[in-house]
Amino acid sequence: MKSNTLSLKLMFKAVATCDKRYDGKFIYAVKTTGIFCRPSCKSKTPNFENICFFENAVIAKQQGFRPCKRCQPELSVDIFDPQQDMVVEAKTFLEQHYQEKITLNILAFKIGVSPYYLSRIFKEKYGVTPHKYLEIIRIHKAKNLLLNTMHNSTEICFQVGFNNFSSFYKQFKKICGCSPSQFRSKNGRGI
């Protein structure tokens, strides 16, 4: 099915160039994957013979296609920034699971995008990579534990998700400008 006002050639060109101007004018679906997308979706451009065009997401769903997780074409164009939703989801996951071993591959798999794409967009939105953001969360939690518990630095290191003390010490000093014990002493919690 094609849109009444746009030619197949023009729609395919919009898909191939990820042209945002055509979002809301049509949806395309890929027969080989069973997924439908916005014209602006940054997914790999499918072969022309594998594409179906629809006027909207409802029709694509009725034909048995499911929405792309990256561009979420079933949501309103005006209120949806797929990149923002993706990085907020990644940020929230890191904040809730900071104590666990989290690699970029694990995080990207949880979000449903490639590691490279997630890292690039996360850095664009927040100014740091997901890994650096995770380290910042862990150091923030460590500072709180240093001030509010009697645990030693080694215990705190493992409680906040670091695998070894030397990494913890190095990152703590890099972010805070002092060692964990110096931080505790300067802020009124000497042991």
Protein backbone atom coordinates (compact mmCIF):
# COMPACT_ATOMS: atom_id res chain seq x y z
CA MET A 1 0.00 0.00 0.00
CA LYS A 2 1.38 3.37 -0.84
CA SER A 3 0.47 6.84 0.25
CA ASN A 4 -1.95 8.55 -2.13
CA THR A 5 0.15 11.70 -2.53
CA LEU A 6 3.76 10.46 -2.64
CA SER A 7 5.45 8.32 -5.28
CA LEU A 8 7.19 5.07 -4.34
CA LYS A 9 10.46 6.51 -5.61
CA LEU A 10 10.15 9.59 -3.40
CA MET A 11 9.20 7.53 -0.34
CA PHE A 12 12.14 5.17 -0.85
CA LYS A 13 14.50 8.14 -1.20
CA ALA A 14 13.12 9.53 2.09
CA VAL A 15 13.78 6.16 3.77
CA ALA A 16 17.29 5.85 2.29
CA THR A 17 18.23 9.35 3.48
CA CYS A 18 16.38 9.10 6.85
CA ASP A 19 14.51 12.29 5.99
CA LYS A 20 12.61 13.60 9.05
CA ARG A 21 10.41 15.80 6.86
CA TYR A 22 8.42 12.71 5.85
CA ASP A 23 7.70 11.50 9.40
CA GLY A 24 3.94 11.46 9.84
CA LYS A 25 3.33 11.32 6.07
CA PHE A 26 3.90 7.58 5.73
CA ILE A 27 5.28 4.49 7.45
CA TYR A 28 7.42 1.83 5.85
CA ALA A 29 7.61 -1.83 6.79
CA VAL A 30 10.28 -4.37 6.01
CA LYS A 31 8.89 -7.72 4.87
CA THR A 32 12.00 -9.69 5.90
CA THR A 33 12.01 -8.45 9.51
CA GLY A 34 8.30 -7.83 10.09
CA ILE A 35 9.08 -4.39 11.52
CA PHE A 36 7.71 -0.98 10.52
CA CYS A 37 9.53 2.35 10.93
CA ARG A 38 9.35 6.09 10.42
CA PRO A 39 11.12 7.42 7.32
CA SER A 40 13.71 9.07 9.60
CA CYS A 41 14.70 5.81 11.36
CA LYS A 42 18.45 5.32 11.36
CA SER A 43 18.19 1.56 10.86
CA LYS A 44 19.92 -0.03 7.91
CA THR A 45 18.22 0.83 4.62
CA PRO A 46 16.36 -2.26 3.37
CA ASN A 47 16.28 -3.39 -0.24
CA PHE A 48 13.48 -1.71 -2.18
CA GLU A 49 11.79 -5.04 -2.97
CA ASN A 50 11.49 -5.81 0.77
CA ILE A 51 9.58 -2.62 1.65
CA CYS A 52 5.85 -1.96 2.00
CA PHE A 53 4.56 1.58 2.49
CA PHE A 54 1.57 2.46 4.68
CA GLU A 55 -0.26 5.66 5.45
CA ASN A 56 -0.02 5.11 9.19
CA ALA A 57 1.04 2.75 11.99
CA VAL A 58 -2.46 1.38 12.51
CA ILE A 59 -2.57 -0.04 8.99
CA ALA A 60 0.95 -1.47 9.34
CA LYS A 61 -0.08 -3.23 12.57
CA GLN A 62 -3.24 -4.56 10.93
CA GLN A 63 -1.02 -6.09 8.23
CA GLY A 64 0.94 -7.96 10.92
CA PHE A 65 4.00 -5.74 11.28
CA ARG A 66 5.37 -4.68 14.65
CA PRO A 67 6.81 -1.24 15.52
CA CYS A 68 10.54 -0.56 15.54
CA LYS A 69 11.97 -0.19 19.05
CA ARG A 70 14.40 2.48 17.91
CA CYS A 71 12.08 4.98 16.22
CA GLN A 72 8.75 3.88 17.78
CA PRO A 73 6.60 4.85 14.79
CA GLU A 74 3.33 4.14 16.57
CA LEU A 75 3.82 7.21 18.80
CA SER A 76 3.03 10.79 17.83
CA VAL A 77 5.82 12.55 15.92
CA ASP A 78 5.33 15.77 17.88
CA ILE A 79 5.91 14.30 21.33
CA PHE A 80 8.49 11.61 20.71
CA ASP A 81 12.27 11.87 20.61
CA PRO A 82 13.42 8.25 20.32
CA GLN A 83 16.98 9.14 21.21
CA GLN A 84 15.95 10.95 24.39
CA ASP A 85 13.75 8.07 25.51
CA MET A 86 16.57 5.62 24.79
CA VAL A 87 19.19 7.51 26.84
CA VAL A 88 16.76 8.12 29.70
CA GLU A 89 16.07 4.38 29.77
CA ALA A 90 19.82 3.68 29.78
CA LYS A 91 20.44 6.28 32.51
CA THR A 92 17.64 4.86 34.66
CA PHE A 93 18.96 1.32 34.22
CA LEU A 94 22.45 2.42 35.29
CA GLU A 95 21.07 4.25 38.34
CA GLN A 96 19.06 1.21 39.43
CA HIS A 97 21.75 -1.43 38.74
CA TYR A 98 24.98 0.43 39.52
CA GLN A 99 26.11 -2.33 41.93
CA GLU A 100 26.04 -4.96 39.18
CA LYS A 101 28.63 -5.73 36.54
CA ILE A 102 27.38 -3.71 33.57
CA THR A 103 29.19 -3.57 30.24
CA LEU A 104 28.20 -1.43 27.28
CA ASN A 105 27.11 -4.61 25.48
CA ILE A 106 24.83 -5.61 28.37
CA LEU A 107 23.33 -2.13 28.59
CA ALA A 108 22.79 -1.87 24.83
CA PHE A 109 21.12 -5.31 24.79
CA LYS A 110 18.75 -4.25 27.60
CA ILE A 111 17.83 -1.08 25.67
CA GLY A 112 17.58 -2.87 22.32
CA VAL A 113 20.16 -0.91 20.28
CA SER A 114 23.76 -1.39 19.21
CA PRO A 115 26.52 -0.57 21.72
CA TYR A 116 28.11 1.97 19.36
CA TYR A 117 24.80 3.77 18.76
CA LEU A 118 23.95 3.88 22.47
CA SER A 119 27.38 5.20 23.44
CA ARG A 120 27.33 7.89 20.74
CA ILE A 121 23.82 9.15 21.52
CA PHE A 122 24.33 8.95 25.30
CA LYS A 123 27.45 11.10 25.00
CA GLU A 124 25.62 13.58 22.75
CA LYS A 125 22.80 13.96 25.29
CA TYR A 126 24.77 13.85 28.58
CA GLY A 127 28.33 14.76 27.64
CA VAL A 128 29.79 11.51 28.98
CA THR A 129 29.78 7.87 27.92
CA PRO A 130 27.51 5.36 29.71
CA HIS A 131 30.63 3.87 31.36
CA LYS A 132 31.74 7.25 32.71
CA TYR A 133 28.20 7.98 33.91
CA LEU A 134 28.19 4.64 35.77
CA GLU A 135 31.50 5.53 37.44
CA ILE A 136 30.07 8.90 38.50
CA ILE A 137 27.02 7.19 40.04
CA ARG A 138 29.25 4.72 41.89
CA ILE A 139 31.53 7.46 43.25
CA HIS A 140 28.49 9.51 44.35
CA LYS A 141 27.14 6.46 46.20
CA ALA A 142 30.60 5.83 47.71
CA LYS A 143 30.79 9.42 48.99
CA ASN A 144 27.41 8.96 50.66
CA LEU A 145 28.56 5.71 52.30
CA LEU A 146 31.83 7.27 53.45
CA LEU A 147 29.90 10.03 55.20
CA ASN A 148 27.05 7.95 56.60
CA THR A 149 28.53 4.57 57.52
CA MET A 150 31.57 3.21 59.32
CA HIS A 151 32.46 0.84 56.43
CA ASN A 152 36.05 1.07 55.28
CA SER A 153 36.99 2.12 51.75
CA THR A 154 37.52 -1.45 50.56
CA GLU A 155 34.06 -2.55 51.71
CA ILE A 156 32.49 0.51 50.10
CA CYS A 157 34.39 -0.13 46.88
CA PHE A 158 32.65 -3.49 46.42
CA GLN A 159 29.28 -2.26 47.72
CA VAL A 160 29.07 0.33 44.95
CA GLY A 161 30.00 -2.10 42.16
CA PHE A 162 33.74 -1.76 41.59
CA ASN A 163 35.58 -5.03 40.97
CA ASN A 164 38.85 -3.97 42.57
CA PHE A 165 40.08 -1.36 44.98
CA SER A 166 42.71 0.18 42.68
CA SER A 167 40.05 1.09 40.06
CA PHE A 168 37.84 2.51 42.79
CA TYR A 169 40.68 4.53 44.32
CA LYS A 170 41.81 5.87 40.93
CA GLN A 171 38.28 6.93 39.88
CA PHE A 172 37.47 8.38 43.30
CA LYS A 173 40.61 10.51 43.25
CA LYS A 174 39.99 11.55 39.63
CA ILE A 175 36.39 12.65 40.30
CA CYS A 176 36.74 14.02 43.86
CA GLY A 177 40.32 15.27 43.82
CA CYS A 178 41.27 13.28 46.92
CA SER A 179 41.39 9.72 48.22
CA PRO A 180 38.35 8.13 49.90
CA SER A 181 39.95 8.41 53.35
CA GLN A 182 40.90 12.07 52.75
CA PHE A 183 37.31 12.76 51.64
CA ARG A 184 35.96 11.16 54.81
CA SER A 185 38.38 13.11 57.01
CA LYS A 186 37.71 16.47 55.28
CA ASN A 187 33.97 16.02 55.63
CA GLY A 188 33.86 15.16 59.34
CA ARG A 189 33.79 11.36 59.44
CA GLY A 190 37.27 10.29 60.47
CA ILE A 191 37.51 6.64 61.53
